[in-house]
N, C-alpha and C. Protein backbone atom coordinates (compact mmCIF):
# COMPACT_ATOMS: atom_id res chain seq x y z
N MET A 1 0.82 -1.19 0.00
CA MET A 1 0.00 0.00 0.00
C MET A 1 0.87 1.26 0.00
N ARG A 2 1.95 1.25 0.77
CA ARG A 2 2.84 2.41 0.81
C ARG A 2 3.49 2.66 -0.55
N ILE A 3 3.83 1.62 -1.24
CA ILE A 3 4.47 1.76 -2.55
C ILE A 3 3.48 2.39 -3.53
N GLN A 4 2.22 1.98 -3.48
CA GLN A 4 1.22 2.56 -4.36
C GLN A 4 1.02 4.05 -4.05
N TRP A 5 0.97 4.38 -2.78
CA TRP A 5 0.82 5.78 -2.36
C TRP A 5 2.03 6.60 -2.84
N PHE A 6 3.21 6.06 -2.66
CA PHE A 6 4.44 6.72 -3.08
C PHE A 6 4.43 6.95 -4.60
N LEU A 7 4.03 5.94 -5.37
CA LEU A 7 3.96 6.09 -6.83
C LEU A 7 2.92 7.13 -7.23
N PHE A 8 1.80 7.13 -6.53
CA PHE A 8 0.76 8.12 -6.80
C PHE A 8 1.29 9.54 -6.60
N VAL A 9 1.99 9.77 -5.51
CA VAL A 9 2.55 11.10 -5.21
C VAL A 9 3.58 11.49 -6.27
N ILE A 10 4.44 10.57 -6.64
CA ILE A 10 5.46 10.85 -7.67
C ILE A 10 4.79 11.23 -8.99
N ILE A 11 3.78 10.50 -9.39
CA ILE A 11 3.08 10.78 -10.65
C ILE A 11 2.41 12.15 -10.60
N MET A 12 1.78 12.47 -9.46
CA MET A 12 1.13 13.77 -9.32
C MET A 12 2.14 14.92 -9.40
N VAL A 13 3.29 14.75 -8.77
CA VAL A 13 4.34 15.77 -8.82
C VAL A 13 4.80 15.96 -10.27
N MET A 14 4.98 14.88 -10.98
CA MET A 14 5.43 14.96 -12.37
C MET A 14 4.37 15.65 -13.23
N ILE A 15 3.11 15.38 -12.99
CA ILE A 15 2.03 16.04 -13.73
C ILE A 15 2.05 17.54 -13.44
N LEU A 16 2.18 17.91 -12.18
CA LEU A 16 2.21 19.33 -11.82
C LEU A 16 3.40 20.04 -12.45
N ILE A 17 4.55 19.40 -12.48
CA ILE A 17 5.73 19.99 -13.11
C ILE A 17 5.48 20.15 -14.61
N GLY A 18 4.89 19.17 -15.23
CA GLY A 18 4.58 19.24 -16.66
C GLY A 18 3.61 20.37 -16.97
N VAL A 19 2.58 20.53 -16.13
CA VAL A 19 1.61 21.61 -16.33
C VAL A 19 2.29 22.96 -16.16
N ALA A 20 3.12 23.10 -15.14
CA ALA A 20 3.82 24.36 -14.90
C ALA A 20 4.74 24.70 -16.07
N CYS A 21 5.44 23.74 -16.59
CA CYS A 21 6.33 23.98 -17.74
C CYS A 21 5.52 24.34 -18.96
N GLY A 22 4.40 23.71 -19.16
CA GLY A 22 3.55 23.98 -20.31
C GLY A 22 2.99 25.39 -20.27
N LYS A 23 2.66 25.90 -19.08
CA LYS A 23 2.14 27.26 -18.96
C LYS A 23 3.16 28.28 -19.40
N GLY A 24 4.42 28.05 -19.12
CA GLY A 24 5.48 28.97 -19.53
C GLY A 24 5.52 29.09 -21.04
N GLU A 25 5.34 28.00 -21.75
CA GLU A 25 5.36 28.04 -23.20
C GLU A 25 4.13 28.75 -23.74
N ALA A 26 2.99 28.52 -23.13
CA ALA A 26 1.75 29.11 -23.62
C ALA A 26 1.73 30.62 -23.40
N SER A 27 2.43 31.13 -22.40
CA SER A 27 2.38 32.56 -22.10
C SER A 27 3.49 33.35 -22.77
N GLU A 28 4.32 32.70 -23.58
CA GLU A 28 5.37 33.42 -24.28
C GLU A 28 4.76 34.41 -25.25
N LYS A 29 5.49 35.50 -25.51
CA LYS A 29 5.03 36.49 -26.47
C LYS A 29 5.07 35.89 -27.88
N PRO A 30 4.20 36.38 -28.74
CA PRO A 30 4.24 35.88 -30.12
C PRO A 30 5.57 36.26 -30.77
N LYS A 31 5.95 35.52 -31.78
CA LYS A 31 7.21 35.76 -32.47
C LYS A 31 7.18 37.15 -33.10
N LEU A 32 8.21 37.94 -32.81
CA LEU A 32 8.32 39.28 -33.35
C LEU A 32 8.99 39.23 -34.72
N THR A 33 8.59 40.14 -35.58
CA THR A 33 9.19 40.23 -36.91
C THR A 33 9.63 41.67 -37.16
N ALA A 34 10.54 41.85 -38.09
CA ALA A 34 10.98 43.19 -38.47
C ALA A 34 9.82 43.93 -39.12
N LYS A 35 9.68 45.20 -38.77
CA LYS A 35 8.60 46.03 -39.33
C LYS A 35 9.12 47.43 -39.54
N GLN A 36 8.44 48.14 -40.41
CA GLN A 36 8.70 49.56 -40.56
C GLN A 36 7.91 50.29 -39.48
N LEU A 37 8.39 51.45 -39.08
CA LEU A 37 7.74 52.21 -38.01
C LEU A 37 6.26 52.41 -38.29
N GLU A 38 5.91 52.77 -39.51
CA GLU A 38 4.50 53.05 -39.82
C GLU A 38 3.60 51.84 -39.61
N GLU A 39 4.15 50.63 -39.63
CA GLU A 39 3.34 49.43 -39.43
C GLU A 39 2.86 49.28 -37.98
N PHE A 40 3.51 49.97 -37.05
CA PHE A 40 3.10 49.93 -35.65
C PHE A 40 1.96 50.91 -35.38
N TYR A 41 1.79 51.87 -36.26
CA TYR A 41 0.79 52.92 -36.04
C TYR A 41 -0.61 52.37 -36.27
N PRO A 42 -1.51 52.59 -35.31
CA PRO A 42 -2.88 52.08 -35.45
C PRO A 42 -3.73 53.03 -36.31
N GLY A 43 -3.68 52.85 -37.59
CA GLY A 43 -4.40 53.74 -38.51
C GLY A 43 -3.45 54.31 -39.54
N ASP A 44 -3.81 55.48 -40.05
CA ASP A 44 -3.03 56.14 -41.09
C ASP A 44 -2.08 57.15 -40.45
N ILE A 45 -0.79 56.88 -40.53
CA ILE A 45 0.21 57.73 -39.88
C ILE A 45 0.22 59.15 -40.47
N SER A 46 -0.35 59.32 -41.66
CA SER A 46 -0.40 60.66 -42.25
C SER A 46 -1.45 61.55 -41.58
N ASN A 47 -2.21 61.00 -40.63
CA ASN A 47 -3.18 61.80 -39.87
C ASN A 47 -2.58 62.42 -38.61
N VAL A 48 -1.32 62.12 -38.32
CA VAL A 48 -0.67 62.69 -37.13
C VAL A 48 -0.64 64.20 -37.28
N ASP A 49 -1.11 64.92 -36.25
CA ASP A 49 -1.10 66.38 -36.35
C ASP A 49 -0.19 67.05 -35.32
N HIS A 50 0.26 66.31 -34.33
CA HIS A 50 1.31 66.85 -33.48
C HIS A 50 2.09 65.74 -32.80
N ILE A 51 3.30 66.11 -32.39
CA ILE A 51 4.26 65.15 -31.83
C ILE A 51 4.78 65.72 -30.52
N GLU A 52 4.95 64.85 -29.54
CA GLU A 52 5.60 65.23 -28.29
C GLU A 52 6.83 64.33 -28.12
N ILE A 53 7.95 64.96 -27.77
CA ILE A 53 9.20 64.23 -27.53
C ILE A 53 9.69 64.59 -26.14
N ARG A 54 9.99 63.60 -25.34
CA ARG A 54 10.54 63.83 -24.01
C ARG A 54 11.98 63.33 -23.98
N SER A 55 12.86 64.18 -23.45
CA SER A 55 14.26 63.80 -23.27
C SER A 55 14.37 63.01 -21.98
N GLY A 56 14.99 61.84 -22.06
CA GLY A 56 15.19 61.03 -20.87
C GLY A 56 16.33 61.54 -20.01
N SER A 57 17.22 62.35 -20.58
CA SER A 57 18.35 62.85 -19.79
C SER A 57 18.01 64.14 -19.06
N THR A 58 17.14 64.99 -19.64
CA THR A 58 16.81 66.26 -18.98
C THR A 58 15.36 66.35 -18.52
N GLY A 59 14.50 65.50 -19.07
CA GLY A 59 13.08 65.56 -18.74
C GLY A 59 12.32 66.61 -19.53
N VAL A 60 13.01 67.38 -20.37
CA VAL A 60 12.37 68.44 -21.15
C VAL A 60 11.41 67.82 -22.16
N LEU A 61 10.23 68.43 -22.27
CA LEU A 61 9.22 67.99 -23.23
C LEU A 61 9.17 68.98 -24.38
N LYS A 62 9.33 68.48 -25.60
CA LYS A 62 9.24 69.31 -26.81
C LYS A 62 7.93 68.95 -27.49
N ILE A 63 7.10 69.96 -27.78
CA ILE A 63 5.83 69.74 -28.45
C ILE A 63 5.91 70.36 -29.84
N VAL A 64 5.62 69.56 -30.85
CA VAL A 64 5.61 70.02 -32.23
C VAL A 64 4.15 70.10 -32.66
N ASN A 65 3.61 71.34 -32.67
CA ASN A 65 2.21 71.55 -33.04
C ASN A 65 2.02 71.86 -34.52
N ASP A 66 3.10 72.16 -35.22
CA ASP A 66 3.04 72.47 -36.64
C ASP A 66 2.83 71.16 -37.41
N LYS A 67 1.61 70.98 -37.95
CA LYS A 67 1.28 69.72 -38.62
C LYS A 67 2.21 69.45 -39.80
N GLN A 68 2.57 70.50 -40.54
CA GLN A 68 3.45 70.29 -41.70
C GLN A 68 4.82 69.81 -41.25
N LEU A 69 5.35 70.41 -40.19
CA LEU A 69 6.65 69.98 -39.66
C LEU A 69 6.55 68.53 -39.16
N ALA A 70 5.45 68.20 -38.48
CA ALA A 70 5.25 66.83 -37.99
C ALA A 70 5.20 65.85 -39.17
N GLN A 71 4.48 66.20 -40.22
CA GLN A 71 4.36 65.31 -41.38
C GLN A 71 5.67 65.19 -42.15
N ASP A 72 6.43 66.29 -42.23
CA ASP A 72 7.74 66.23 -42.88
C ASP A 72 8.66 65.28 -42.12
N TRP A 73 8.60 65.33 -40.79
CA TRP A 73 9.43 64.44 -39.96
C TRP A 73 8.98 62.99 -40.14
N ILE A 74 7.68 62.77 -40.12
CA ILE A 74 7.16 61.41 -40.29
C ILE A 74 7.58 60.84 -41.65
N ALA A 75 7.58 61.68 -42.67
CA ALA A 75 8.01 61.22 -44.00
C ALA A 75 9.44 60.69 -43.96
N LYS A 76 10.28 61.26 -43.08
CA LYS A 76 11.67 60.82 -42.96
C LYS A 76 11.81 59.50 -42.20
N VAL A 77 10.91 59.25 -41.24
CA VAL A 77 11.10 58.09 -40.35
C VAL A 77 10.11 56.96 -40.56
N ARG A 78 9.06 57.18 -41.29
CA ARG A 78 7.99 56.18 -41.38
C ARG A 78 8.47 54.83 -41.91
N HIS A 79 9.50 54.84 -42.76
CA HIS A 79 9.99 53.59 -43.33
C HIS A 79 11.20 53.03 -42.57
N SER A 80 11.51 53.62 -41.41
CA SER A 80 12.61 53.09 -40.59
C SER A 80 12.30 51.65 -40.21
N LYS A 81 13.25 50.77 -40.48
CA LYS A 81 13.04 49.34 -40.20
C LYS A 81 13.46 49.04 -38.77
N LEU A 82 12.59 48.39 -38.04
CA LEU A 82 12.87 47.99 -36.66
C LEU A 82 12.94 46.47 -36.61
N THR A 83 14.11 45.98 -36.22
CA THR A 83 14.37 44.54 -36.15
C THR A 83 14.31 44.10 -34.70
N PRO A 84 13.54 43.06 -34.38
CA PRO A 84 13.44 42.61 -32.99
C PRO A 84 14.80 42.27 -32.40
N ASP A 85 15.00 42.72 -31.17
CA ASP A 85 16.22 42.38 -30.43
C ASP A 85 16.03 40.98 -29.86
N PRO A 86 17.00 40.08 -30.07
CA PRO A 86 16.86 38.74 -29.50
C PRO A 86 16.75 38.76 -27.97
N ASN A 87 17.32 39.77 -27.35
CA ASN A 87 17.26 39.91 -25.89
C ASN A 87 16.05 40.78 -25.53
N GLN A 88 15.00 40.15 -25.06
CA GLN A 88 13.77 40.86 -24.70
C GLN A 88 13.67 41.14 -23.20
N GLU A 89 14.80 41.05 -22.49
CA GLU A 89 14.79 41.35 -21.06
C GLU A 89 14.49 42.83 -20.85
N GLY A 90 13.80 43.15 -19.75
CA GLY A 90 13.43 44.52 -19.44
C GLY A 90 14.63 45.44 -19.32
N ARG A 91 14.39 46.71 -19.58
CA ARG A 91 15.44 47.74 -19.51
C ARG A 91 14.91 48.95 -18.78
N VAL A 92 15.82 49.78 -18.36
CA VAL A 92 15.42 51.02 -17.69
C VAL A 92 16.10 52.19 -18.38
N GLY A 93 15.45 53.35 -18.34
CA GLY A 93 16.00 54.56 -18.91
C GLY A 93 15.75 54.65 -20.41
N TYR A 94 15.87 55.88 -20.92
CA TYR A 94 15.69 56.12 -22.35
C TYR A 94 16.35 57.43 -22.71
N LEU A 95 16.72 57.57 -23.96
CA LEU A 95 17.28 58.82 -24.46
C LEU A 95 16.15 59.78 -24.82
N PHE A 96 15.19 59.28 -25.59
CA PHE A 96 13.98 60.03 -25.97
C PHE A 96 12.82 59.05 -26.05
N TYR A 97 11.62 59.57 -25.80
CA TYR A 97 10.45 58.84 -26.25
C TYR A 97 9.60 59.80 -27.07
N VAL A 98 8.85 59.24 -27.99
CA VAL A 98 8.06 60.03 -28.93
C VAL A 98 6.61 59.60 -28.83
N ASP A 99 5.71 60.58 -28.71
CA ASP A 99 4.27 60.32 -28.75
C ASP A 99 3.71 60.96 -30.01
N LEU A 100 2.93 60.19 -30.76
CA LEU A 100 2.27 60.68 -31.96
C LEU A 100 0.78 60.84 -31.66
N PHE A 101 0.22 62.00 -32.03
CA PHE A 101 -1.16 62.33 -31.71
C PHE A 101 -1.99 62.63 -32.95
N GLU A 102 -3.27 62.31 -32.85
CA GLU A 102 -4.30 62.80 -33.76
C GLU A 102 -5.27 63.56 -32.86
N GLY A 103 -5.29 64.87 -33.00
CA GLY A 103 -6.07 65.68 -32.08
C GLY A 103 -5.49 65.53 -30.68
N GLN A 104 -6.34 65.24 -29.71
CA GLN A 104 -5.88 65.04 -28.34
C GLN A 104 -5.59 63.57 -28.02
N GLU A 105 -5.81 62.69 -29.00
CA GLU A 105 -5.64 61.26 -28.77
C GLU A 105 -4.22 60.80 -29.10
N LYS A 106 -3.56 60.25 -28.06
CA LYS A 106 -2.23 59.67 -28.29
C LYS A 106 -2.43 58.33 -28.98
N LYS A 107 -1.84 58.20 -30.18
CA LYS A 107 -2.02 56.99 -30.96
C LYS A 107 -0.86 56.01 -30.82
N LEU A 108 0.36 56.54 -30.59
CA LEU A 108 1.52 55.66 -30.52
C LEU A 108 2.62 56.32 -29.71
N ARG A 109 3.25 55.52 -28.83
CA ARG A 109 4.46 55.95 -28.12
C ARG A 109 5.56 54.96 -28.50
N PHE A 110 6.74 55.50 -28.78
CA PHE A 110 7.87 54.63 -29.08
C PHE A 110 9.18 55.28 -28.66
N LEU A 111 10.16 54.42 -28.49
CA LEU A 111 11.54 54.81 -28.25
C LEU A 111 12.34 54.30 -29.44
N PRO A 112 13.57 54.76 -29.61
CA PRO A 112 14.35 54.25 -30.75
C PRO A 112 14.58 52.73 -30.69
N ASN A 113 14.37 52.12 -29.53
CA ASN A 113 14.58 50.68 -29.43
C ASN A 113 13.44 49.92 -28.75
N GLU A 114 12.27 50.56 -28.61
CA GLU A 114 11.16 49.87 -27.93
C GLU A 114 9.82 50.40 -28.40
N ILE A 115 8.92 49.48 -28.68
CA ILE A 115 7.54 49.83 -29.01
C ILE A 115 6.65 48.78 -28.36
N ALA A 116 5.66 49.25 -27.63
CA ALA A 116 4.64 48.38 -27.03
C ALA A 116 5.24 47.28 -26.16
N GLY A 117 6.29 47.60 -25.42
CA GLY A 117 6.89 46.63 -24.51
C GLY A 117 7.80 45.61 -25.17
N ASN A 118 8.02 45.74 -26.47
CA ASN A 118 8.93 44.86 -27.19
C ASN A 118 10.17 45.64 -27.58
N TYR A 119 11.32 44.98 -27.50
CA TYR A 119 12.59 45.65 -27.76
C TYR A 119 13.10 45.33 -29.16
N TYR A 120 13.68 46.36 -29.76
CA TYR A 120 14.21 46.27 -31.12
C TYR A 120 15.67 46.71 -31.10
N VAL A 121 16.42 46.25 -32.09
CA VAL A 121 17.82 46.65 -32.21
C VAL A 121 17.83 48.16 -32.32
N TYR A 122 18.68 48.79 -31.52
CA TYR A 122 18.72 50.25 -31.44
C TYR A 122 18.94 50.85 -32.83
N SER A 123 18.09 51.78 -33.20
CA SER A 123 18.17 52.42 -34.51
C SER A 123 18.84 53.78 -34.38
N GLU A 124 20.10 53.86 -34.77
CA GLU A 124 20.82 55.13 -34.73
C GLU A 124 20.18 56.14 -35.68
N GLU A 125 19.71 55.65 -36.83
CA GLU A 125 19.05 56.53 -37.80
C GLU A 125 17.81 57.18 -37.19
N LEU A 126 16.99 56.38 -36.53
CA LEU A 126 15.78 56.89 -35.90
C LEU A 126 16.12 57.84 -34.76
N GLU A 127 17.09 57.48 -33.94
CA GLU A 127 17.51 58.36 -32.83
C GLU A 127 18.02 59.68 -33.37
N LYS A 128 18.75 59.66 -34.47
CA LYS A 128 19.29 60.89 -35.07
C LYS A 128 18.16 61.81 -35.52
N GLU A 129 17.13 61.24 -36.15
CA GLU A 129 15.99 62.05 -36.61
C GLU A 129 15.17 62.58 -35.43
N ILE A 130 15.02 61.79 -34.39
CA ILE A 130 14.32 62.26 -33.18
C ILE A 130 15.10 63.42 -32.58
N SER A 131 16.40 63.27 -32.47
CA SER A 131 17.26 64.31 -31.89
C SER A 131 17.17 65.60 -32.70
N LYS A 132 17.19 65.49 -34.01
CA LYS A 132 17.09 66.68 -34.88
C LYS A 132 15.78 67.42 -34.63
N LEU A 133 14.68 66.66 -34.57
CA LEU A 133 13.38 67.29 -34.35
C LEU A 133 13.33 67.91 -32.96
N PHE A 134 13.87 67.23 -31.98
CA PHE A 134 13.88 67.74 -30.60
C PHE A 134 14.65 69.05 -30.52
N GLN A 135 15.74 69.17 -31.25
CA GLN A 135 16.59 70.36 -31.19
C GLN A 135 16.14 71.46 -32.14
N SER A 136 15.17 71.19 -33.01
CA SER A 136 14.70 72.21 -33.96
C SER A 136 13.92 73.31 -33.25
N LYS A 137 13.88 74.46 -33.89
CA LYS A 137 13.17 75.66 -33.42
C LYS A 137 13.56 75.97 -32.00
């Protein structure tokens, strides 16, 4: 009787371990693929009418209310390719973050290496364009 009880407990432990391991696989994020910046935008990126950029080093917020300037900038960055970073571990700090708006509605926030909690290989090209816009006017 003790041997049967012991085997029962062992089998139950193995089942619980299997279930726990299976949950880890089921909760993984979907496979990320390379995308252009405009593909992350929910809607038509040409409807953006203002941009806000915050500097992570100074905390200064730059607001670009000139729709033409915002659209000219978007034309430069919309096709920037973002490649998923194999290392998806969390990070802290940022150089800049950018918010894109239609009216008062924030449609998208991104960093040169992060969108929607997913990390991408740092884009020097994108960071350069963000920096230029931040320093303009």
